[in-house]
Amino acid sequence: MAASAESKSPPWLFRIRSARFAAFVAAFIAFSVLVASGATKAIDDPVNRYAHSLQGNASLDSAMIAITTLGDVGTLFAFAIVVTIIRRTRKAGMIFLIAIVVLAITVMYLKPFIGRPIPPYEFAPGVQLPENFGIESDSLAPFAAGFSYPSGHASRATALAFIIGYLIYRKSRVAGYAVWAFPVMVGITRVYVQQHYPTDLIGGFLIGVIISTVLGNAMKIWQPFQLSKFKGKEDSSTRQQQT
């Protein structure tokens, strides 16, 4: 990473070969083992029972449903396409699109490996939902739909904060940090609608940072998007043939 790019880069964009990246990988592995052992149940269950007790308020339920929908695959995918279309943000948009796909596949196979069932408390909103509307499951694959760790919604929301937050940080540090409120808000709603335990969100955050770091470094997010190097050669040869 060039020195000028580093000076404008946020603190969450670090090299793959760094102590911070190694720490995130180690933390995810250790945390996943802890969750798989059932050691976090005593902390998680009371939070979900409390969230369940809050349900029934039409205004609160509507707000939670609206926010949690923002973390759905379709919503984030559409947003990533818009960012990709814009030339100035095309590189970040492409990285975010790839991150969505990679995280969806990674989380899908991690869920049955960890084997933690989703919370047993049913979400019963106090508001009438549209006939064809439904809260998106964390995994579209049937073999992973019944498991909760790690959170796919939290991982994708983290990728958005990581990648899009990078763009915003270069213009405004305050706004760049503010984007990280998005995965926090989405995470809270996922517990509220009983799709996740709190520790599922931590696992989703960690894997989201790991995958975003790998893709950001591999695709050099700090470099602007460039057209194919062959385009100039093709244009040059065409001009020569015409003359």
C-alpha atoms as a PDB file:
ATOM      1  CA  MET A   1       0.000   0.000   0.000  1.00  0.00           C
ATOM      2  CA  ALA A   2       1.477   3.346  -1.028  1.00  0.00           C
ATOM      3  CA  ALA A   3       2.418   5.871   1.663  1.00  0.00           C
ATOM      4  CA  SER A   4      -0.016   8.519   0.333  1.00  0.00           C
ATOM      5  CA  ALA A   5      -2.850   5.988   0.311  1.00  0.00           C
ATOM      6  CA  GLU A   6      -2.008   4.878   3.828  1.00  0.00           C
ATOM      7  CA  SER A   7      -2.211   8.435   5.133  1.00  0.00           C
ATOM      8  CA  LYS A   8      -5.818   8.695   3.899  1.00  0.00           C
ATOM      9  CA  SER A   9      -6.834   5.181   4.846  1.00  0.00           C
ATOM     10  CA  PRO A  10      -8.979   4.380   7.888  1.00  0.00           C
ATOM     11  CA  PRO A  11      -7.519   2.337  10.759  1.00  0.00           C
ATOM     12  CA  TRP A  12      -9.602  -0.707   9.845  1.00  0.00           C
ATOM     13  CA  LEU A  13      -7.832  -1.099   6.487  1.00  0.00           C
ATOM     14  CA  PHE A  14      -4.673  -3.040   7.287  1.00  0.00           C
ATOM     15  CA  ARG A  15      -2.400  -5.470   5.500  1.00  0.00           C
ATOM     16  CA  ILE A  16      -3.060  -9.201   5.425  1.00  0.00           C
ATOM     17  CA  ARG A  17       0.463  -9.793   6.692  1.00  0.00           C
ATOM     18  CA  SER A  18      -0.028  -7.820   9.880  1.00  0.00           C
ATOM     19  CA  ALA A  19      -0.452  -8.544  13.556  1.00  0.00           C
ATOM     20  CA  ARG A  20      -3.953  -7.034  13.508  1.00  0.00           C
ATOM     21  CA  PHE A  21      -5.169  -9.343  10.757  1.00  0.00           C
ATOM     22  CA  ALA A  22      -3.679 -12.357  12.536  1.00  0.00           C
ATOM     23  CA  ALA A  23      -5.426 -11.230  15.717  1.00  0.00           C
ATOM     24  CA  PHE A  24      -8.811 -11.109  13.949  1.00  0.00           C
ATOM     25  CA  VAL A  25      -8.340 -14.601  12.517  1.00  0.00           C
ATOM     26  CA  ALA A  26      -7.252 -15.988  15.889  1.00  0.00           C
ATOM     27  CA  ALA A  27     -10.164 -14.257  17.622  1.00  0.00           C
ATOM     28  CA  PHE A  28     -12.689 -15.714  15.173  1.00  0.00           C
ATOM     29  CA  ILE A  29     -11.336 -19.239  15.594  1.00  0.00           C
ATOM     30  CA  ALA A  30     -11.230 -18.988  19.397  1.00  0.00           C
ATOM     31  CA  PHE A  31     -14.670 -17.387  19.587  1.00  0.00           C
ATOM     32  CA  SER A  32     -16.176 -20.004  17.272  1.00  0.00           C
ATOM     33  CA  VAL A  33     -14.822 -22.813  19.458  1.00  0.00           C
ATOM     34  CA  LEU A  34     -16.287 -21.094  22.505  1.00  0.00           C
ATOM     35  CA  VAL A  35     -19.727 -20.779  20.899  1.00  0.00           C
ATOM     36  CA  ALA A  36     -19.676 -24.367  19.604  1.00  0.00           C
ATOM     37  CA  SER A  37     -18.949 -25.596  23.136  1.00  0.00           C
ATOM     38  CA  GLY A  38     -22.101 -23.910  24.449  1.00  0.00           C
ATOM     39  CA  ALA A  39     -20.160 -21.731  26.888  1.00  0.00           C
ATOM     40  CA  THR A  40     -21.928 -18.537  25.774  1.00  0.00           C
ATOM     41  CA  LYS A  41     -25.493 -19.768  26.269  1.00  0.00           C
ATOM     42  CA  ALA A  42     -25.763 -18.335  29.778  1.00  0.00           C
ATOM     43  CA  ILE A  43     -25.016 -14.887  28.371  1.00  0.00           C
ATOM     44  CA  ASP A  44     -27.022 -15.132  25.159  1.00  0.00           C
ATOM     45  CA  ASP A  45     -30.322 -16.606  26.314  1.00  0.00           C
ATOM     46  CA  PRO A  46     -31.302 -13.865  28.802  1.00  0.00           C
ATOM     47  CA  VAL A  47     -30.770 -11.216  26.111  1.00  0.00           C
ATOM     48  CA  ASN A  48     -33.042 -13.017  23.656  1.00  0.00           C
ATOM     49  CA  ARG A  49     -35.697 -13.598  26.309  1.00  0.00           C
ATOM     50  CA  TYR A  50     -35.660  -9.883  27.097  1.00  0.00           C
ATOM     51  CA  ALA A  51     -35.892  -8.985  23.396  1.00  0.00           C
ATOM     52  CA  HIS A  52     -38.851 -11.344  23.106  1.00  0.00           C
ATOM     53  CA  SER A  53     -40.586  -9.567  25.993  1.00  0.00           C
ATOM     54  CA  LEU A  54     -40.416  -6.253  24.112  1.00  0.00           C
ATOM     55  CA  GLN A  55     -42.322  -7.521  21.094  1.00  0.00           C
ATOM     56  CA  GLY A  56     -45.875  -6.379  20.465  1.00  0.00           C
ATOM     57  CA  ASN A  57     -45.284  -2.645  20.197  1.00  0.00           C
ATOM     58  CA  ALA A  58     -46.366  -1.757  16.659  1.00  0.00           C
ATOM     59  CA  SER A  59     -43.996   1.209  16.272  1.00  0.00           C
ATOM     60  CA  LEU A  60     -40.960  -0.622  17.657  1.00  0.00           C
ATOM     61  CA  ASP A  61     -41.709  -3.772  15.677  1.00  0.00           C
ATOM     62  CA  SER A  62     -42.090  -1.777  12.449  1.00  0.00           C
ATOM     63  CA  ALA A  63     -38.779   0.018  13.002  1.00  0.00           C
ATOM     64  CA  MET A  64     -36.953  -3.234  13.741  1.00  0.00           C
ATOM     65  CA  ILE A  65     -38.398  -4.953  10.670  1.00  0.00           C
ATOM     66  CA  ALA A  66     -37.484  -2.004   8.431  1.00  0.00           C
ATOM     67  CA  ILE A  67     -33.893  -1.869   9.682  1.00  0.00           C
ATOM     68  CA  THR A  68     -33.331  -5.621   9.552  1.00  0.00           C
ATOM     69  CA  THR A  69     -34.541  -5.641   5.924  1.00  0.00           C
ATOM     70  CA  LEU A  70     -31.700  -3.267   5.053  1.00  0.00           C
ATOM     71  CA  GLY A  71     -29.282  -6.105   5.824  1.00  0.00           C
ATOM     72  CA  ASP A  72     -30.967  -8.583   3.483  1.00  0.00           C
ATOM     73  CA  VAL A  73     -28.926 -10.035   0.614  1.00  0.00           C
ATOM     74  CA  GLY A  74     -31.184  -8.528  -2.045  1.00  0.00           C
ATOM     75  CA  THR A  75     -31.101  -5.049  -0.530  1.00  0.00           C
ATOM     76  CA  LEU A  76     -27.322  -4.943  -0.137  1.00  0.00           C
ATOM     77  CA  PHE A  77     -26.770  -6.532  -3.549  1.00  0.00           C
ATOM     78  CA  ALA A  78     -28.890  -3.838  -5.208  1.00  0.00           C
ATOM     79  CA  PHE A  79     -26.982  -1.149  -3.314  1.00  0.00           C
ATOM     80  CA  ALA A  80     -23.661  -2.681  -4.393  1.00  0.00           C
ATOM     81  CA  ILE A  81     -24.738  -2.633  -8.042  1.00  0.00           C
ATOM     82  CA  VAL A  82     -25.589   1.085  -7.813  1.00  0.00           C
ATOM     83  CA  VAL A  83     -22.183   1.809  -6.245  1.00  0.00           C
ATOM     84  CA  THR A  84     -20.503  -0.229  -8.996  1.00  0.00           C
ATOM     85  CA  ILE A  85     -22.262   1.700 -11.764  1.00  0.00           C
ATOM     86  CA  ILE A  86     -20.848   5.002 -10.503  1.00  0.00           C
ATOM     87  CA  ARG A  87     -17.375   5.347 -11.971  1.00  0.00           C
ATOM     88  CA  ARG A  88     -15.782   7.018  -8.935  1.00  0.00           C
ATOM     89  CA  THR A  89     -16.922   4.234  -6.626  1.00  0.00           C
ATOM     90  CA  ARG A  90     -16.742   1.351  -9.112  1.00  0.00           C
ATOM     91  CA  LYS A  91     -13.754  -0.396  -7.507  1.00  0.00           C
ATOM     92  CA  ALA A  92     -15.344  -0.367  -4.047  1.00  0.00           C
ATOM     93  CA  GLY A  93     -18.663  -1.495  -5.507  1.00  0.00           C
ATOM     94  CA  MET A  94     -17.049  -4.468  -7.228  1.00  0.00           C
ATOM     95  CA  ILE A  95     -15.249  -5.446  -4.025  1.00  0.00           C
ATOM     96  CA  PHE A  96     -18.483  -5.178  -2.055  1.00  0.00           C
ATOM     97  CA  LEU A  97     -20.353  -7.316  -4.605  1.00  0.00           C
ATOM     98  CA  ILE A  98     -17.714 -10.018  -4.348  1.00  0.00           C
ATOM     99  CA  ALA A  99     -17.721  -9.724  -0.544  1.00  0.00           C
ATOM    100  CA  ILE A 100     -21.477 -10.350  -0.448  1.00  0.00           C
ATOM    101  CA  VAL A 101     -21.094 -13.552  -2.480  1.00  0.00           C
ATOM    102  CA  VAL A 102     -18.025 -14.811  -0.616  1.00  0.00           C
ATOM    103  CA  LEU A 103     -19.588 -14.123   2.784  1.00  0.00           C
ATOM    104  CA  ALA A 104     -22.876 -15.786   1.813  1.00  0.00           C
ATOM    105  CA  ILE A 105     -21.026 -18.964   0.813  1.00  0.00           C
ATOM    106  CA  THR A 106     -18.594 -18.888   3.740  1.00  0.00           C
ATOM    107  CA  VAL A 107     -21.280 -18.341   6.368  1.00  0.00           C
ATOM    108  CA  MET A 108     -23.530 -20.937   4.745  1.00  0.00           C
ATOM    109  CA  TYR A 109     -20.938 -23.676   5.303  1.00  0.00           C
ATOM    110  CA  LEU A 110     -19.752 -22.421   8.687  1.00  0.00           C
ATOM    111  CA  LYS A 111     -23.228 -22.606  10.208  1.00  0.00           C
ATOM    112  CA  PRO A 112     -23.696 -26.418  10.151  1.00  0.00           C
ATOM    113  CA  PHE A 113     -20.023 -26.865  11.077  1.00  0.00           C
ATOM    114  CA  ILE A 114     -20.535 -24.908  14.308  1.00  0.00           C
ATOM    115  CA  GLY A 115     -24.014 -26.407  14.666  1.00  0.00           C
ATOM    116  CA  ARG A 116     -25.685 -23.799  16.854  1.00  0.00           C
ATOM    117  CA  PRO A 117     -29.510 -23.755  16.484  1.00  0.00           C
ATOM    118  CA  ILE A 118     -31.347 -20.452  16.049  1.00  0.00           C
ATOM    119  CA  PRO A 119     -33.101 -19.017  19.161  1.00  0.00           C
ATOM    120  CA  PRO A 120     -36.241 -20.939  20.155  1.00  0.00           C
ATOM    121  CA  TYR A 121     -38.315 -17.786  20.690  1.00  0.00           C
ATOM    122  CA  GLU A 122     -40.762 -16.940  17.922  1.00  0.00           C
ATOM    123  CA  PHE A 123     -41.029 -13.399  16.615  1.00  0.00           C
ATOM    124  CA  ALA A 124     -44.648 -12.277  16.864  1.00  0.00           C
ATOM    125  CA  PRO A 125     -44.855  -8.670  15.624  1.00  0.00           C
ATOM    126  CA  GLY A 126     -47.661  -6.411  16.755  1.00  0.00           C
ATOM    127  CA  VAL A 127     -48.088  -5.040  13.255  1.00  0.00           C
ATOM    128  CA  GLN A 128     -49.840  -6.523  10.242  1.00  0.00           C
ATOM    129  CA  LEU A 129     -47.257  -7.397   7.594  1.00  0.00           C
ATOM    130  CA  PRO A 130     -47.995  -7.417   3.836  1.00  0.00           C
ATOM    131  CA  GLU A 131     -49.223 -10.749   2.518  1.00  0.00           C
ATOM    132  CA  ASN A 132     -46.069 -11.656   0.571  1.00  0.00           C
ATOM    133  CA  PHE A 133     -43.608 -10.057   2.982  1.00  0.00           C
ATOM    134  CA  GLY A 134     -41.376 -12.167   5.176  1.00  0.00           C
ATOM    135  CA  ILE A 135     -38.303 -11.621   7.311  1.00  0.00           C
ATOM    136  CA  GLU A 136     -35.344 -13.058   5.443  1.00  0.00           C
ATOM    137  CA  SER A 137     -33.696 -16.102   6.943  1.00  0.00           C
ATOM    138  CA  ASP A 138     -29.990 -15.688   7.605  1.00  0.00           C
ATOM    139  CA  SER A 139     -29.162 -18.428   5.103  1.00  0.00           C
ATOM    140  CA  LEU A 140     -31.061 -19.276   1.940  1.00  0.00           C
ATOM    141  CA  ALA A 141     -29.629 -22.818   1.873  1.00  0.00           C
ATOM    142  CA  PRO A 142     -31.980 -25.338   3.570  1.00  0.00           C
ATOM    143  CA  PHE A 143     -29.132 -27.262   5.230  1.00  0.00           C
ATOM    144  CA  ALA A 144     -27.960 -24.098   7.025  1.00  0.00           C
ATOM    145  CA  ALA A 145     -31.269 -22.315   7.665  1.00  0.00           C
ATOM    146  CA  GLY A 146     -31.706 -23.764  11.153  1.00  0.00           C
ATOM    147  CA  PHE A 147     -28.345 -22.564  12.466  1.00  0.00           C
ATOM    148  CA  SER A 148     -27.449 -19.119  13.730  1.00  0.00           C
ATOM    149  CA  TYR A 149     -23.660 -18.774  14.068  1.00  0.00           C
ATOM    150  CA  PRO A 150     -22.119 -16.720  12.574  1.00  0.00           C
ATOM    151  CA  SER A 151     -24.590 -14.048  11.504  1.00  0.00           C
ATOM    152  CA  GLY A 152     -24.672 -13.558   7.758  1.00  0.00           C
ATOM    153  CA  HIS A 153     -26.545 -10.275   8.110  1.00  0.00           C
ATOM    154  CA  ALA A 154     -23.939  -8.936  10.547  1.00  0.00           C
ATOM    155  CA  SER A 155     -21.081 -10.057   8.298  1.00  0.00           C
ATOM    156  CA  ARG A 156     -22.526  -8.362   5.199  1.00  0.00           C
ATOM    157  CA  ALA A 157     -23.365  -5.181   7.127  1.00  0.00           C
ATOM    158  CA  THR A 158     -19.785  -5.176   8.425  1.00  0.00           C
ATOM    159  CA  ALA A 159     -18.467  -5.544   4.878  1.00  0.00           C
ATOM    160  CA  LEU A 160     -20.520  -2.526   3.851  1.00  0.00           C
ATOM    161  CA  ALA A 161     -19.139  -0.455   6.733  1.00  0.00           C
ATOM    162  CA  PHE A 162     -15.604  -1.663   5.983  1.00  0.00           C
ATOM    163  CA  ILE A 163     -15.640  -1.029   2.216  1.00  0.00           C
ATOM    164  CA  ILE A 164     -18.068   1.856   1.781  1.00  0.00           C
ATOM    165  CA  GLY A 165     -16.829   3.390   5.012  1.00  0.00           C
ATOM    166  CA  TYR A 166     -13.369   3.453   3.440  1.00  0.00           C
ATOM    167  CA  LEU A 167     -14.638   5.681   0.620  1.00  0.00           C
ATOM    168  CA  ILE A 168     -16.454   8.023   2.985  1.00  0.00           C
ATOM    169  CA  TYR A 169     -13.531   8.198   5.427  1.00  0.00           C
ATOM    170  CA  ARG A 170     -11.317   9.660   2.706  1.00  0.00           C
ATOM    171  CA  LYS A 171     -13.738  12.613   2.511  1.00  0.00           C
ATOM    172  CA  SER A 172     -14.839  12.820   6.144  1.00  0.00           C
ATOM    173  CA  ARG A 173     -13.410  10.851   9.049  1.00  0.00           C
ATOM    174  CA  VAL A 174     -16.471  11.489  11.204  1.00  0.00           C
ATOM    175  CA  ALA A 175     -18.826  10.185   8.512  1.00  0.00           C
ATOM    176  CA  GLY A 176     -16.508   7.226   7.879  1.00  0.00           C
ATOM    177  CA  TYR A 177     -16.745   6.163  11.501  1.00  0.00           C
ATOM    178  CA  ALA A 178     -20.493   6.866  11.565  1.00  0.00           C
ATOM    179  CA  VAL A 179     -21.096   4.212   8.877  1.00  0.00           C
ATOM    180  CA  TRP A 180     -20.129   1.571  11.448  1.00  0.00           C
ATOM    181  CA  ALA A 181     -23.438   2.279  13.192  1.00  0.00           C
ATOM    182  CA  PHE A 182     -25.074   0.309  10.376  1.00  0.00           C
ATOM    183  CA  PRO A 183     -23.836  -3.188  11.368  1.00  0.00           C
ATOM    184  CA  VAL A 184     -24.621  -2.378  15.007  1.00  0.00           C
ATOM    185  CA  MET A 185     -28.209  -1.432  14.160  1.00  0.00           C
ATOM    186  CA  VAL A 186     -28.711  -4.433  11.886  1.00  0.00           C
ATOM    187  CA  GLY A 187     -27.265  -6.717  14.570  1.00  0.00           C
ATOM    188  CA  ILE A 188     -29.650  -5.425  17.231  1.00  0.00           C
ATOM    189  CA  THR A 189     -32.630  -6.036  14.958  1.00  0.00           C
ATOM    190  CA  ARG A 190     -31.511  -9.598  14.212  1.00  0.00           C
ATOM    191  CA  VAL A 191     -31.607 -10.398  17.918  1.00  0.00           C
ATOM    192  CA  TYR A 192     -34.971  -8.650  18.225  1.00  0.00           C
ATOM    193  CA  VAL A 193     -36.550 -10.738  15.464  1.00  0.00           C
ATOM    194  CA  GLN A 194     -35.064 -13.862  17.073  1.00  0.00           C
ATOM    195  CA  GLN A 195     -32.814 -14.892  14.205  1.00  0.00           C
ATOM    196  CA  HIS A 196     -29.618 -14.622  16.249  1.00  0.00           C
ATOM    197  CA  TYR A 197     -28.005 -14.594  19.657  1.00  0.00           C
ATOM    198  CA  PRO A 198     -25.741 -11.637  20.533  1.00  0.00           C
ATOM    199  CA  THR A 199     -22.581 -13.720  20.140  1.00  0.00           C
ATOM    200  CA  ASP A 200     -23.647 -14.656  16.600  1.00  0.00           C
ATOM    201  CA  LEU A 201     -23.239 -10.998  15.757  1.00  0.00           C
ATOM    202  CA  ILE A 202     -19.675 -10.929  17.083  1.00  0.00           C
ATOM    203  CA  GLY A 203     -18.803 -13.922  14.915  1.00  0.00           C
ATOM    204  CA  GLY A 204     -20.408 -12.214  11.908  1.00  0.00           C
ATOM    205  CA  PHE A 205     -18.450  -9.031  12.590  1.00  0.00           C
ATOM    206  CA  LEU A 206     -15.146 -10.899  12.797  1.00  0.00           C
ATOM    207  CA  ILE A 207     -15.634 -12.920   9.606  1.00  0.00           C
ATOM    208  CA  GLY A 208     -16.901  -9.782   7.854  1.00  0.00           C
ATOM    209  CA  VAL A 209     -13.696  -7.913   8.710  1.00  0.00           C
ATOM    210  CA  ILE A 210     -11.521 -10.882   7.712  1.00  0.00           C
ATOM    211  CA  ILE A 211     -13.098 -11.359   4.284  1.00  0.00           C
ATOM    212  CA  SER A 212     -13.220  -7.600   3.607  1.00  0.00           C
ATOM    213  CA  THR A 213      -9.547  -7.256   4.514  1.00  0.00           C
ATOM    214  CA  VAL A 214      -8.545 -10.077   2.185  1.00  0.00           C
ATOM    215  CA  LEU A 215     -10.586  -8.714  -0.734  1.00  0.00           C
ATOM    216  CA  GLY A 216      -9.592  -5.101  -0.083  1.00  0.00           C
ATOM    217  CA  ASN A 217      -5.904  -6.004  -0.185  1.00  0.00           C
ATOM    218  CA  ALA A 218      -6.172  -8.469  -3.062  1.00  0.00           C
ATOM    219  CA  MET A 219      -8.072  -5.991  -5.252  1.00  0.00           C
ATOM    220  CA  LYS A 220      -6.129  -2.941  -3.975  1.00  0.00           C
ATOM    221  CA  ILE A 221      -9.094  -0.866  -2.909  1.00  0.00           C
ATOM    222  CA  TRP A 222      -6.847   2.204  -2.549  1.00  0.00           C
ATOM    223  CA  GLN A 223      -6.185   2.255  -6.299  1.00  0.00           C
ATOM    224  CA  PRO A 224      -8.793   3.827  -8.607  1.00  0.00           C
ATOM    225  CA  PHE A 225     -10.625   1.618 -11.066  1.00  0.00           C
ATOM    226  CA  GLN A 226      -8.805   1.314 -14.388  1.00  0.00           C
ATOM    227  CA  LEU A 227     -10.028   0.082 -17.738  1.00  0.00           C
ATOM    228  CA  SER A 228      -8.373  -2.913 -19.324  1.00  0.00           C
ATOM    229  CA  LYS A 229      -4.732  -2.354 -20.206  1.00  0.00           C
ATOM    230  CA  PHE A 230      -5.459  -3.945 -23.564  1.00  0.00           C
ATOM    231  CA  LYS A 231      -7.969  -1.259 -24.527  1.00  0.00           C
ATOM    232  CA  GLY A 232      -5.280   1.287 -25.305  1.00  0.00           C
ATOM    233  CA  LYS A 233      -3.378  -1.232 -27.407  1.00  0.00           C
ATOM    234  CA  GLU A 234      -6.536  -2.169 -29.285  1.00  0.00           C
ATOM    235  CA  ASP A 235      -7.328   1.480 -30.010  1.00  0.00           C
ATOM    236  CA  SER A 236      -3.753   2.069 -31.175  1.00  0.00           C
ATOM    237  CA  SER A 237      -3.767  -0.902 -33.547  1.00  0.00           C
ATOM    238  CA  THR A 238      -7.156   0.186 -34.932  1.00  0.00           C
ATOM    239  CA  ARG A 239      -5.832   3.654 -35.712  1.00  0.00           C
ATOM    240  CA  GLN A 240      -2.781   2.151 -37.441  1.00  0.00           C
ATOM    241  CA  GLN A 241      -4.993  -0.073 -39.619  1.00  0.00           C
ATOM    242  CA  GLN A 242      -7.161   2.903 -40.592  1.00  0.00           C
ATOM    243  CA  THR A 243      -4.109   4.915 -41.693  1.00  0.00           C
END
